Amino acid sequence: MALDEIAARVRAAEDKAGRATGSVMLVAVSKKQPDERVEDVLKAGHRVFGENRVQEAQGKWPAFRERFPDVELHMIGPLQTNKVRQAIGLFDVIQTVDRPKLARAIARVAGEEGRCPDLFVQVNTGEEDQKAGVSPDETDALLTLCRDLGLPVKGLMCIPPAEEEPALHFALLAKIAARNGLDQLSMGMSADFETAIVLGATHVRIGSALFGERPV
């Protein structure tokens, strides 16, 4: 199945980059995918998945988790502050912290709930108006705020502009992470994940190459 092929490509990219086998986590992006496709990947043994929307994840994953309790679920889409409580209850990792207001909301709700998912700060490396993420110039300040709030920030995430060379953006993200003492990088998708691995990705987010094109 496609999972075996993608996993083999990830291992080959790790080897090419001189990275340890298994050092890159494959996040299977299951947003808008039919449940039967997701179930096939679960039955094949994969356990790390990414969703873009809280509401869709709420409708899909509680039932799957009853059967596959070791699933690790990542929030990889923009998070509204009014959905923070639901997200904290559902996700193991939130990859899209991108503004002070959201960081403060997560800190407040996490304190009330007594738990906080691991967090990544999303960087808008291309500074695109239509895309979520903190600008590169403001990333250090947001990371400082998150740390002051006691939030468990583990790394950075980016989605490069579709029309630009992704390697430039992956290298920028790695540079920002290094100067802030972060060693986890969520970057690379179906079309460019091998390049991302060579440039230091620890998480790659694969959707269409794994599940097939989403139904219209």
N, C-alpha and C. Protein backbone atom coordinates (compact mmCIF):
# COMPACT_ATOMS: atom_id res chain seq x y z
N MET A 1 0.85 -1.19 0.00
CA MET A 1 0.00 0.00 0.00
C MET A 1 0.88 1.24 0.00
N ALA A 2 0.24 2.40 -0.19
CA ALA A 2 0.99 3.65 -0.28
C ALA A 2 1.81 3.92 0.98
N LEU A 3 1.28 3.51 2.15
CA LEU A 3 2.00 3.73 3.41
C LEU A 3 3.39 3.10 3.35
N ASP A 4 3.50 1.89 2.82
CA ASP A 4 4.79 1.22 2.74
C ASP A 4 5.75 1.99 1.84
N GLU A 5 5.23 2.48 0.73
CA GLU A 5 6.07 3.23 -0.21
C GLU A 5 6.56 4.54 0.42
N ILE A 6 5.65 5.27 1.07
CA ILE A 6 6.03 6.54 1.69
C ILE A 6 7.04 6.30 2.81
N ALA A 7 6.79 5.27 3.63
CA ALA A 7 7.71 4.96 4.72
C ALA A 7 9.10 4.62 4.18
N ALA A 8 9.15 3.91 3.08
CA ALA A 8 10.44 3.57 2.47
C ALA A 8 11.15 4.82 1.96
N ARG A 9 10.39 5.74 1.39
CA ARG A 9 10.99 6.99 0.91
C ARG A 9 11.50 7.84 2.07
N VAL A 10 10.78 7.84 3.17
CA VAL A 10 11.24 8.56 4.36
C VAL A 10 12.56 7.95 4.85
N ARG A 11 12.63 6.63 4.93
CA ARG A 11 13.86 5.97 5.38
C ARG A 11 15.02 6.27 4.44
N ALA A 12 14.74 6.28 3.15
CA ALA A 12 15.81 6.56 2.18
C ALA A 12 16.31 8.00 2.33
N ALA A 13 15.40 8.93 2.57
CA ALA A 13 15.80 10.33 2.75
C ALA A 13 16.59 10.50 4.05
N GLU A 14 16.18 9.78 5.10
CA GLU A 14 16.95 9.81 6.35
C GLU A 14 18.38 9.34 6.09
N ASP A 15 18.51 8.24 5.37
CA ASP A 15 19.83 7.67 5.08
C ASP A 15 20.67 8.63 4.25
N LYS A 16 20.06 9.26 3.25
CA LYS A 16 20.77 10.21 2.39
C LYS A 16 21.29 11.39 3.20
N ALA A 17 20.50 11.80 4.21
CA ALA A 17 20.88 12.96 5.03
C ALA A 17 21.80 12.58 6.17
N GLY A 18 22.13 11.28 6.29
CA GLY A 18 22.96 10.84 7.39
C GLY A 18 22.23 10.85 8.72
N ARG A 19 20.91 10.73 8.64
CA ARG A 19 20.07 10.76 9.84
C ARG A 19 19.79 9.33 10.30
N ALA A 20 19.52 9.17 11.59
CA ALA A 20 19.19 7.86 12.12
C ALA A 20 17.85 7.38 11.58
N THR A 21 17.74 6.11 11.29
CA THR A 21 16.47 5.53 10.86
C THR A 21 15.42 5.73 11.95
N GLY A 22 14.27 6.26 11.56
CA GLY A 22 13.22 6.51 12.53
C GLY A 22 13.27 7.88 13.17
N SER A 23 14.19 8.73 12.73
CA SER A 23 14.31 10.06 13.34
C SER A 23 13.27 11.03 12.81
N VAL A 24 12.57 10.66 11.74
CA VAL A 24 11.54 11.51 11.15
C VAL A 24 10.17 10.88 11.38
N MET A 25 9.25 11.66 11.92
CA MET A 25 7.90 11.18 12.18
C MET A 25 7.00 11.50 10.98
N LEU A 26 6.32 10.49 10.49
CA LEU A 26 5.37 10.66 9.40
C LEU A 26 4.00 10.98 9.99
N VAL A 27 3.52 12.19 9.73
CA VAL A 27 2.19 12.61 10.17
C VAL A 27 1.24 12.41 8.99
N ALA A 28 0.34 11.46 9.11
CA ALA A 28 -0.61 11.15 8.04
C ALA A 28 -1.76 12.17 8.09
N VAL A 29 -1.85 13.01 7.08
CA VAL A 29 -2.84 14.09 7.08
C VAL A 29 -4.17 13.54 6.59
N SER A 30 -5.07 13.34 7.54
CA SER A 30 -6.34 12.66 7.26
C SER A 30 -7.51 13.61 7.07
N LYS A 31 -7.25 14.90 6.99
CA LYS A 31 -8.35 15.86 6.84
C LYS A 31 -9.14 15.57 5.57
N LYS A 32 -10.45 15.60 5.71
CA LYS A 32 -11.39 15.42 4.59
C LYS A 32 -11.26 14.07 3.89
N GLN A 33 -10.57 13.13 4.51
CA GLN A 33 -10.46 11.80 3.91
C GLN A 33 -11.59 10.91 4.44
N PRO A 34 -12.15 10.04 3.59
CA PRO A 34 -13.19 9.12 4.05
C PRO A 34 -12.69 8.23 5.18
N ASP A 35 -13.57 7.89 6.10
CA ASP A 35 -13.18 7.09 7.25
C ASP A 35 -12.55 5.76 6.84
N GLU A 36 -13.03 5.18 5.74
CA GLU A 36 -12.49 3.87 5.36
C GLU A 36 -11.02 3.97 4.95
N ARG A 37 -10.63 5.07 4.35
CA ARG A 37 -9.21 5.24 4.00
C ARG A 37 -8.36 5.40 5.26
N VAL A 38 -8.87 6.17 6.20
CA VAL A 38 -8.15 6.36 7.47
C VAL A 38 -8.03 5.03 8.20
N GLU A 39 -9.11 4.28 8.21
CA GLU A 39 -9.10 2.99 8.90
C GLU A 39 -8.09 2.04 8.27
N ASP A 40 -7.97 2.06 6.96
CA ASP A 40 -6.99 1.20 6.29
C ASP A 40 -5.57 1.50 6.79
N VAL A 41 -5.25 2.79 6.95
CA VAL A 41 -3.91 3.18 7.42
C VAL A 41 -3.73 2.80 8.88
N LEU A 42 -4.78 2.96 9.67
CA LEU A 42 -4.72 2.53 11.07
C LEU A 42 -4.49 1.01 11.16
N LYS A 43 -5.22 0.26 10.35
CA LYS A 43 -5.06 -1.20 10.39
C LYS A 43 -3.68 -1.64 9.93
N ALA A 44 -3.04 -0.81 9.10
CA ALA A 44 -1.68 -1.12 8.65
C ALA A 44 -0.64 -0.82 9.73
N GLY A 45 -1.08 -0.22 10.83
CA GLY A 45 -0.18 -0.02 11.96
C GLY A 45 0.27 1.40 12.20
N HIS A 46 -0.14 2.33 11.34
CA HIS A 46 0.29 3.72 11.54
C HIS A 46 -0.56 4.37 12.61
N ARG A 47 0.06 5.27 13.41
CA ARG A 47 -0.66 5.83 14.55
C ARG A 47 -0.58 7.35 14.68
N VAL A 48 0.14 8.03 13.82
CA VAL A 48 0.29 9.49 13.94
C VAL A 48 -0.45 10.17 12.80
N PHE A 49 -1.43 11.01 13.15
CA PHE A 49 -2.31 11.62 12.15
C PHE A 49 -2.43 13.12 12.39
N GLY A 50 -2.73 13.84 11.32
CA GLY A 50 -2.92 15.29 11.41
C GLY A 50 -4.28 15.70 10.88
N GLU A 51 -4.90 16.63 11.59
CA GLU A 51 -6.19 17.18 11.17
C GLU A 51 -6.13 18.70 11.16
N ASN A 52 -6.90 19.31 10.26
CA ASN A 52 -6.89 20.76 10.11
C ASN A 52 -7.94 21.47 10.95
N ARG A 53 -9.04 20.79 11.24
CA ARG A 53 -10.16 21.46 11.90
C ARG A 53 -10.59 20.70 13.13
N VAL A 54 -10.86 21.45 14.19
CA VAL A 54 -11.29 20.83 15.44
C VAL A 54 -12.60 20.08 15.24
N GLN A 55 -13.56 20.71 14.56
CA GLN A 55 -14.87 20.10 14.42
C GLN A 55 -14.80 18.77 13.66
N GLU A 56 -14.04 18.73 12.58
CA GLU A 56 -13.90 17.49 11.82
C GLU A 56 -13.23 16.41 12.67
N ALA A 57 -12.20 16.79 13.40
CA ALA A 57 -11.50 15.82 14.24
C ALA A 57 -12.41 15.28 15.34
N GLN A 58 -13.25 16.14 15.90
CA GLN A 58 -14.18 15.70 16.94
C GLN A 58 -15.16 14.65 16.41
N GLY A 59 -15.53 14.79 15.14
CA GLY A 59 -16.48 13.85 14.56
C GLY A 59 -15.85 12.54 14.12
N LYS A 60 -14.54 12.48 14.07
CA LYS A 60 -13.85 11.33 13.51
C LYS A 60 -13.07 10.52 14.54
N TRP A 61 -12.32 11.20 15.40
CA TRP A 61 -11.29 10.50 16.15
C TRP A 61 -11.72 9.86 17.47
N PRO A 62 -12.71 10.37 18.19
CA PRO A 62 -13.10 9.65 19.41
C PRO A 62 -13.48 8.19 19.15
N ALA A 63 -14.20 7.93 18.07
CA ALA A 63 -14.59 6.55 17.76
C ALA A 63 -13.37 5.71 17.36
N PHE A 64 -12.49 6.30 16.55
CA PHE A 64 -11.27 5.56 16.17
C PHE A 64 -10.42 5.27 17.40
N ARG A 65 -10.36 6.21 18.33
CA ARG A 65 -9.49 6.03 19.49
C ARG A 65 -10.01 4.94 20.43
N GLU A 66 -11.29 4.67 20.38
CA GLU A 66 -11.80 3.55 21.17
C GLU A 66 -11.20 2.23 20.69
N ARG A 67 -10.93 2.15 19.41
CA ARG A 67 -10.36 0.93 18.82
C ARG A 67 -8.85 0.99 18.71
N PHE A 68 -8.31 2.18 18.58
CA PHE A 68 -6.86 2.38 18.42
C PHE A 68 -6.40 3.42 19.44
N PRO A 69 -6.32 3.04 20.72
CA PRO A 69 -6.09 4.02 21.78
C PRO A 69 -4.71 4.67 21.76
N ASP A 70 -3.77 4.12 21.00
CA ASP A 70 -2.42 4.68 20.98
C ASP A 70 -2.20 5.70 19.85
N VAL A 71 -3.29 6.17 19.25
CA VAL A 71 -3.19 7.20 18.22
C VAL A 71 -2.60 8.48 18.81
N GLU A 72 -1.76 9.14 18.03
CA GLU A 72 -1.24 10.47 18.38
C GLU A 72 -1.79 11.45 17.34
N LEU A 73 -2.54 12.44 17.80
CA LEU A 73 -3.25 13.34 16.89
C LEU A 73 -2.64 14.74 16.94
N HIS A 74 -2.32 15.26 15.75
CA HIS A 74 -1.70 16.58 15.62
C HIS A 74 -2.69 17.56 14.99
N MET A 75 -2.80 18.74 15.58
CA MET A 75 -3.56 19.84 14.98
C MET A 75 -2.62 20.58 14.04
N ILE A 76 -2.94 20.60 12.73
CA ILE A 76 -2.04 21.21 11.76
C ILE A 76 -2.70 22.34 10.98
N GLY A 77 -3.92 22.71 11.38
CA GLY A 77 -4.61 23.83 10.75
C GLY A 77 -4.73 25.00 11.71
N PRO A 78 -5.13 26.17 11.20
CA PRO A 78 -5.28 27.35 12.06
C PRO A 78 -6.25 27.08 13.21
N LEU A 79 -5.90 27.57 14.38
CA LEU A 79 -6.71 27.34 15.58
C LEU A 79 -7.30 28.65 16.06
N GLN A 80 -8.62 28.71 16.16
CA GLN A 80 -9.30 29.87 16.70
C GLN A 80 -9.26 29.80 18.22
N THR A 81 -9.20 30.95 18.87
CA THR A 81 -9.10 30.95 20.33
C THR A 81 -10.35 30.36 20.98
N ASN A 82 -11.51 30.46 20.32
CA ASN A 82 -12.72 29.91 20.92
C ASN A 82 -12.81 28.39 20.79
N LYS A 83 -11.82 27.78 20.10
CA LYS A 83 -11.78 26.33 19.98
C LYS A 83 -10.61 25.71 20.78
N VAL A 84 -9.97 26.53 21.59
CA VAL A 84 -8.78 26.05 22.31
C VAL A 84 -9.12 24.93 23.28
N ARG A 85 -10.22 25.08 24.02
CA ARG A 85 -10.55 24.04 25.01
C ARG A 85 -10.81 22.70 24.33
N GLN A 86 -11.56 22.72 23.23
CA GLN A 86 -11.82 21.48 22.51
C GLN A 86 -10.51 20.89 21.96
N ALA A 87 -9.64 21.76 21.45
CA ALA A 87 -8.37 21.29 20.89
C ALA A 87 -7.49 20.65 21.95
N ILE A 88 -7.43 21.26 23.12
CA ILE A 88 -6.60 20.72 24.19
C ILE A 88 -7.13 19.35 24.64
N GLY A 89 -8.43 19.18 24.59
CA GLY A 89 -9.01 17.90 24.98
C GLY A 89 -8.85 16.80 23.95
N LEU A 90 -8.55 17.19 22.72
CA LEU A 90 -8.56 16.23 21.61
C LEU A 90 -7.18 15.91 21.07
N PHE A 91 -6.31 16.91 21.00
CA PHE A 91 -5.04 16.76 20.30
C PHE A 91 -3.89 16.50 21.27
N ASP A 92 -2.92 15.72 20.80
CA ASP A 92 -1.69 15.49 21.55
C ASP A 92 -0.63 16.54 21.23
N VAL A 93 -0.72 17.10 20.03
CA VAL A 93 0.22 18.13 19.58
C VAL A 93 -0.56 19.19 18.82
N ILE A 94 -0.28 20.46 19.11
CA ILE A 94 -0.84 21.57 18.33
C ILE A 94 0.34 22.23 17.63
N GLN A 95 0.36 22.16 16.29
CA GLN A 95 1.51 22.64 15.51
C GLN A 95 1.34 24.08 15.04
N THR A 96 0.27 24.74 15.40
CA THR A 96 -0.07 26.00 14.72
C THR A 96 -0.25 27.18 15.68
N VAL A 97 0.57 27.25 16.71
CA VAL A 97 0.57 28.45 17.57
C VAL A 97 1.23 29.57 16.78
N ASP A 98 0.52 30.68 16.58
CA ASP A 98 1.04 31.69 15.65
C ASP A 98 0.82 33.14 16.10
N ARG A 99 0.33 33.35 17.33
CA ARG A 99 0.09 34.72 17.77
C ARG A 99 -0.02 34.75 19.29
N PRO A 100 0.31 35.90 19.88
CA PRO A 100 0.27 36.00 21.34
C PRO A 100 -1.10 35.69 21.94
N LYS A 101 -2.17 36.15 21.31
CA LYS A 101 -3.50 35.90 21.85
C LYS A 101 -3.78 34.41 21.97
N LEU A 102 -3.37 33.64 20.97
CA LEU A 102 -3.58 32.19 21.01
C LEU A 102 -2.71 31.56 22.09
N ALA A 103 -1.47 31.99 22.21
CA ALA A 103 -0.58 31.44 23.23
C ALA A 103 -1.16 31.66 24.62
N ARG A 104 -1.68 32.85 24.86
CA ARG A 104 -2.26 33.15 26.18
C ARG A 104 -3.51 32.33 26.43
N ALA A 105 -4.31 32.14 25.39
CA ALA A 105 -5.53 31.33 25.55
C ALA A 105 -5.16 29.88 25.87
N ILE A 106 -4.16 29.34 25.20
CA ILE A 106 -3.73 27.97 25.47
C ILE A 106 -3.22 27.86 26.91
N ALA A 107 -2.43 28.83 27.34
CA ALA A 107 -1.89 28.79 28.70
C ALA A 107 -3.02 28.83 29.73
N ARG A 108 -4.01 29.68 29.50
CA ARG A 108 -5.12 29.80 30.45
C ARG A 108 -5.93 28.50 30.52
N VAL A 109 -6.31 27.97 29.36
CA VAL A 109 -7.14 26.76 29.35
C VAL A 109 -6.33 25.55 29.85
N ALA A 110 -5.08 25.48 29.47
CA ALA A 110 -4.25 24.37 29.94
C ALA A 110 -4.15 24.38 31.47
N GLY A 111 -4.05 25.57 32.04
CA GLY A 111 -4.01 25.67 33.48
C GLY A 111 -5.30 25.18 34.12
N GLU A 112 -6.42 25.51 33.49
CA GLU A 112 -7.72 25.07 34.01
C GLU A 112 -7.92 23.57 33.84
N GLU A 113 -7.44 23.03 32.73
CA GLU A 113 -7.66 21.62 32.42
C GLU A 113 -6.61 20.70 33.05
N GLY A 114 -5.48 21.28 33.43
CA GLY A 114 -4.43 20.47 34.03
C GLY A 114 -3.63 19.67 33.03
N ARG A 115 -3.69 20.03 31.76
CA ARG A 115 -2.89 19.36 30.74
C ARG A 115 -2.68 20.30 29.57
N CYS A 116 -1.57 20.09 28.87
CA CYS A 116 -1.31 20.89 27.67
C CYS A 116 -0.64 20.01 26.64
N PRO A 117 -1.14 20.01 25.41
CA PRO A 117 -0.45 19.28 24.35
C PRO A 117 0.94 19.88 24.11
N ASP A 118 1.81 19.11 23.49
CA ASP A 118 3.05 19.69 23.00
C ASP A 118 2.70 20.70 21.91
N LEU A 119 3.53 21.73 21.78
CA LEU A 119 3.23 22.83 20.88
C LEU A 119 4.37 23.09 19.90
N PHE A 120 3.99 23.50 18.69
CA PHE A 120 4.92 24.04 17.71
C PHE A 120 4.45 25.45 17.37
N VAL A 121 5.38 26.34 17.10
CA VAL A 121 5.03 27.67 16.59
C VAL A 121 5.07 27.61 15.07
N GLN A 122 3.99 28.06 14.44
CA GLN A 122 3.93 28.10 12.98
C GLN A 122 4.51 29.41 12.48
N VAL A 123 5.48 29.30 11.58
CA VAL A 123 6.15 30.47 11.02
C VAL A 123 5.71 30.64 9.57
N ASN A 124 5.27 31.83 9.23
CA ASN A 124 4.86 32.16 7.86
C ASN A 124 6.12 32.60 7.12
N THR A 125 6.92 31.62 6.69
CA THR A 125 8.23 31.93 6.14
C THR A 125 8.16 32.78 4.87
N GLY A 126 7.07 32.65 4.13
CA GLY A 126 6.90 33.44 2.93
C GLY A 126 6.18 34.76 3.16
N GLU A 127 5.81 35.02 4.41
CA GLU A 127 5.08 36.24 4.78
C GLU A 127 3.89 36.49 3.84
N GLU A 128 3.11 35.44 3.64
CA GLU A 128 1.94 35.51 2.76
C GLU A 128 0.73 36.00 3.55
N ASP A 129 0.05 36.99 2.99
CA ASP A 129 -1.09 37.60 3.69
C ASP A 129 -2.20 36.59 3.96
N GLN A 130 -2.40 35.63 3.06
CA GLN A 130 -3.53 34.71 3.18
C GLN A 130 -3.22 33.51 4.05
N LYS A 131 -2.00 33.42 4.56
CA LYS A 131 -1.58 32.22 5.28
C LYS A 131 -1.33 32.53 6.74
N ALA A 132 -1.70 31.58 7.60
CA ALA A 132 -1.46 31.72 9.03
C ALA A 132 0.03 31.59 9.32
N GLY A 133 0.41 32.00 10.52
CA GLY A 133 1.80 31.89 10.95
C GLY A 133 2.37 33.24 11.35
N VAL A 134 3.28 33.21 12.30
CA VAL A 134 3.96 34.42 12.73
C VAL A 134 5.06 34.74 11.72
N SER A 135 5.35 36.00 11.51
CA SER A 135 6.40 36.37 10.57
C SER A 135 7.76 35.96 11.14
N PRO A 136 8.72 35.69 10.28
CA PRO A 136 10.05 35.30 10.78
C PRO A 136 10.63 36.31 11.76
N ASP A 137 10.43 37.61 11.49
CA ASP A 137 11.00 38.64 12.35
C ASP A 137 10.37 38.67 13.74
N GLU A 138 9.16 38.13 13.87
CA GLU A 138 8.46 38.17 15.16
C GLU A 138 8.47 36.83 15.88
N THR A 139 9.12 35.84 15.28
CA THR A 139 9.10 34.49 15.86
C THR A 139 9.80 34.43 17.21
N ASP A 140 10.97 35.06 17.30
CA ASP A 140 11.72 34.99 18.56
C ASP A 140 10.89 35.56 19.72
N ALA A 141 10.21 36.68 19.47
CA ALA A 141 9.41 37.30 20.53
C ALA A 141 8.25 36.39 20.95
N LEU A 142 7.61 35.73 19.98
CA LEU A 142 6.51 34.83 20.32
C LEU A 142 7.02 33.63 21.11
N LEU A 143 8.17 33.11 20.73
CA LEU A 143 8.74 31.99 21.47
C LEU A 143 9.08 32.39 22.90
N THR A 144 9.59 33.59 23.07
CA THR A 144 9.89 34.09 24.42
C THR A 144 8.62 34.18 25.25
N LEU A 145 7.55 34.69 24.65
CA LEU A 145 6.27 34.77 25.36
C LEU A 145 5.79 33.38 25.75
N CYS A 146 5.83 32.43 24.81
CA CYS A 146 5.38 31.07 25.11
C CYS A 146 6.17 30.48 26.28
N ARG A 147 7.45 30.70 26.29
CA ARG A 147 8.28 30.17 27.38
C ARG A 147 7.96 30.87 28.69
N ASP A 148 7.73 32.17 28.63
CA ASP A 148 7.35 32.91 29.85
C ASP A 148 6.03 32.40 30.41
N LEU A 149 5.14 31.95 29.53
CA LEU A 149 3.85 31.40 29.94
C LEU A 149 3.96 29.95 30.43
N GLY A 150 5.14 29.37 30.28
CA GLY A 150 5.34 27.98 30.69
C GLY A 150 4.82 26.96 29.71
N LEU A 151 4.65 27.36 28.46
CA LEU A 151 4.09 26.44 27.46
C LEU A 151 5.16 25.50 26.92
N PRO A 152 4.79 24.25 26.65
CA PRO A 152 5.75 23.25 26.17
C PRO A 152 5.98 23.34 24.66
N VAL A 153 6.71 24.36 24.24
CA VAL A 153 7.01 24.51 22.81
C VAL A 153 8.17 23.60 22.45
N LYS A 154 7.93 22.72 21.49
CA LYS A 154 8.93 21.72 21.11
C LYS A 154 9.64 22.05 19.81
N GLY A 155 9.00 22.86 18.94
CA GLY A 155 9.62 23.11 17.65
C GLY A 155 8.86 24.13 16.83
N LEU A 156 9.18 24.17 15.55
CA LEU A 156 8.58 25.11 14.60
C LEU A 156 7.96 24.35 13.44
N MET A 157 6.98 25.01 12.81
CA MET A 157 6.30 24.43 11.65
C MET A 157 6.18 25.50 10.57
N CYS A 158 6.22 25.08 9.30
CA CYS A 158 5.97 26.03 8.20
C CYS A 158 5.31 25.33 7.02
N ILE A 159 4.67 26.16 6.19
CA ILE A 159 4.10 25.73 4.91
C ILE A 159 4.62 26.72 3.87
N PRO A 160 5.65 26.34 3.10
CA PRO A 160 6.22 27.29 2.14
C PRO A 160 5.23 27.72 1.06
N PRO A 161 5.45 28.88 0.45
CA PRO A 161 4.62 29.30 -0.69
C PRO A 161 4.69 28.26 -1.81
N ALA A 162 3.55 28.01 -2.42
CA ALA A 162 3.49 26.95 -3.43
C ALA A 162 4.38 27.21 -4.63
N GLU A 163 4.60 28.49 -4.95
CA GLU A 163 5.32 28.81 -6.18
C GLU A 163 6.81 29.08 -5.95
N GLU A 164 7.29 28.90 -4.74
CA GLU A 164 8.69 29.17 -4.44
C GLU A 164 9.44 27.89 -4.10
N GLU A 165 10.76 27.96 -4.21
CA GLU A 165 11.61 26.81 -3.89
C GLU A 165 11.49 26.50 -2.39
N PRO A 166 10.97 25.33 -2.04
CA PRO A 166 10.74 25.06 -0.62
C PRO A 166 12.01 24.98 0.20
N ALA A 167 13.12 24.58 -0.41
CA ALA A 167 14.35 24.42 0.36
C ALA A 167 14.76 25.71 1.05
N LEU A 168 14.52 26.84 0.41
CA LEU A 168 14.87 28.12 1.02
C LEU A 168 14.09 28.34 2.31
N HIS A 169 12.84 27.95 2.30
CA HIS A 169 11.99 28.14 3.47
C HIS A 169 12.32 27.12 4.56
N PHE A 170 12.64 25.90 4.16
CA PHE A 170 13.04 24.89 5.14
C PHE A 170 14.33 25.32 5.84
N ALA A 171 15.27 25.86 5.07
CA ALA A 171 16.53 26.31 5.66
C ALA A 171 16.31 27.48 6.62
N LEU A 172 15.40 28.38 6.26
CA LEU A 172 15.09 29.51 7.14
C LEU A 172 14.48 29.01 8.44
N LEU A 173 13.56 28.07 8.35
CA LEU A 173 12.93 27.55 9.57
C LEU A 173 13.97 26.89 10.47
N ALA A 174 14.86 26.13 9.87
CA ALA A 174 15.91 25.47 10.65
C ALA A 174 16.81 26.48 11.34
N LYS A 175 17.10 27.57 10.66
CA LYS A 175 17.96 28.62 11.24
C LYS A 175 17.28 29.27 12.44
N ILE A 176 15.98 29.59 12.30
CA ILE A 176 15.25 30.20 13.41
C ILE A 176 15.18 29.23 14.60
N ALA A 177 14.94 27.96 14.30
CA ALA A 177 14.87 26.96 15.37
C ALA A 177 16.20 26.85 16.11
N ALA A 178 17.29 26.81 15.36
CA ALA A 178 18.61 26.63 15.97
C ALA A 178 18.94 27.77 16.92
N ARG A 179 18.64 28.99 16.52
CA ARG A 179 19.00 30.12 17.39
C ARG A 179 18.11 30.21 18.62
N ASN A 180 16.99 29.48 18.60
CA ASN A 180 16.10 29.46 19.75
C ASN A 180 16.17 28.14 20.53
N GLY A 181 17.15 27.32 20.20
CA GLY A 181 17.36 26.09 20.95
C GLY A 181 16.29 25.04 20.75
N LEU A 182 15.66 25.04 19.59
CA LEU A 182 14.60 24.06 19.29
C LEU A 182 15.13 23.04 18.29
N ASP A 183 14.77 21.77 18.48
CA ASP A 183 15.31 20.74 17.59
C ASP A 183 14.26 19.96 16.83
N GLN A 184 13.00 20.41 16.90
CA GLN A 184 11.96 19.72 16.15
C GLN A 184 11.41 20.65 15.06
N LEU A 185 11.33 20.13 13.85
CA LEU A 185 10.90 20.92 12.70
C LEU A 185 9.83 20.15 11.93
N SER A 186 8.62 20.71 11.87
CA SER A 186 7.55 20.12 11.08
C SER A 186 7.51 20.85 9.74
N MET A 187 8.02 20.20 8.72
CA MET A 187 8.08 20.84 7.39
C MET A 187 8.22 19.74 6.35
N GLY A 188 7.60 20.01 5.21
CA GLY A 188 7.60 19.03 4.14
C GLY A 188 6.27 18.33 4.04
N MET A 189 5.74 18.30 2.80
CA MET A 189 4.48 17.63 2.52
C MET A 189 4.68 16.68 1.35
N SER A 190 3.59 16.23 0.74
CA SER A 190 3.69 15.16 -0.26
C SER A 190 4.70 15.46 -1.37
N ALA A 191 4.78 16.70 -1.82
CA ALA A 191 5.60 17.03 -2.98
C ALA A 191 7.06 17.31 -2.64
N ASP A 192 7.37 17.56 -1.37
CA ASP A 192 8.71 18.05 -1.05
C ASP A 192 9.29 17.48 0.25
N PHE A 193 8.71 16.40 0.77
CA PHE A 193 9.14 15.96 2.10
C PHE A 193 10.57 15.43 2.12
N GLU A 194 11.04 14.88 1.00
CA GLU A 194 12.41 14.37 0.98
C GLU A 194 13.42 15.51 1.10
N THR A 195 13.14 16.62 0.43
CA THR A 195 13.98 17.81 0.58
C THR A 195 13.96 18.30 2.02
N ALA A 196 12.77 18.30 2.63
CA ALA A 196 12.64 18.75 4.01
C ALA A 196 13.47 17.89 4.96
N ILE A 197 13.48 16.58 4.73
CA ILE A 197 14.25 15.68 5.60
C ILE A 197 15.74 15.97 5.49
N VAL A 198 16.21 16.19 4.27
CA VAL A 198 17.63 16.52 4.09
C VAL A 198 17.99 17.79 4.86
N LEU A 199 17.04 18.73 4.98
CA LEU A 199 17.30 20.00 5.63
C LEU A 199 16.89 20.02 7.10
N GLY A 200 16.58 18.84 7.66
CA GLY A 200 16.41 18.76 9.10
C GLY A 200 15.03 18.49 9.63
N ALA A 201 14.05 18.23 8.77
CA ALA A 201 12.69 17.96 9.26
C ALA A 201 12.69 16.78 10.22
N THR A 202 11.94 16.94 11.31
CA THR A 202 11.70 15.82 12.22
C THR A 202 10.28 15.30 12.08
N HIS A 203 9.40 16.09 11.46
CA HIS A 203 8.02 15.71 11.19
C HIS A 203 7.69 16.09 9.75
N VAL A 204 7.14 15.17 8.98
CA VAL A 204 6.66 15.49 7.64
C VAL A 204 5.17 15.16 7.58
N ARG A 205 4.42 16.01 6.89
CA ARG A 205 2.97 15.92 6.88
C ARG A 205 2.51 15.46 5.49
N ILE A 206 2.08 14.20 5.40
CA ILE A 206 1.79 13.59 4.10
C ILE A 206 0.30 13.28 4.02
N GLY A 207 -0.36 13.83 3.01
CA GLY A 207 -1.78 13.58 2.82
C GLY A 207 -2.07 12.84 1.54
N SER A 208 -2.09 13.56 0.41
CA SER A 208 -2.54 12.97 -0.84
C SER A 208 -1.66 11.81 -1.30
N ALA A 209 -0.35 11.89 -1.07
CA ALA A 209 0.54 10.81 -1.50
C ALA A 209 0.27 9.53 -0.72
N LEU A 210 -0.32 9.66 0.45
CA LEU A 210 -0.59 8.52 1.30
C LEU A 210 -2.01 7.99 1.12
N PHE A 211 -2.98 8.91 1.11
CA PHE A 211 -4.39 8.51 1.07
C PHE A 211 -4.99 8.57 -0.33
N GLY A 212 -4.33 9.27 -1.25
CA GLY A 212 -4.96 9.57 -2.53
C GLY A 212 -5.63 10.91 -2.47
N GLU A 213 -6.05 11.41 -3.62
CA GLU A 213 -6.70 12.72 -3.67
C GLU A 213 -8.00 12.68 -2.87
N ARG A 214 -8.28 13.81 -2.21
CA ARG A 214 -9.51 13.88 -1.43
C ARG A 214 -10.72 13.92 -2.34
N PRO A 215 -11.80 13.28 -1.93
CA PRO A 215 -13.03 13.34 -2.72
C PRO A 215 -13.52 14.78 -2.82
N VAL A 216 -14.11 15.11 -3.96
CA VAL A 216 -14.64 16.47 -4.16
C VAL A 216 -15.86 16.66 -3.32
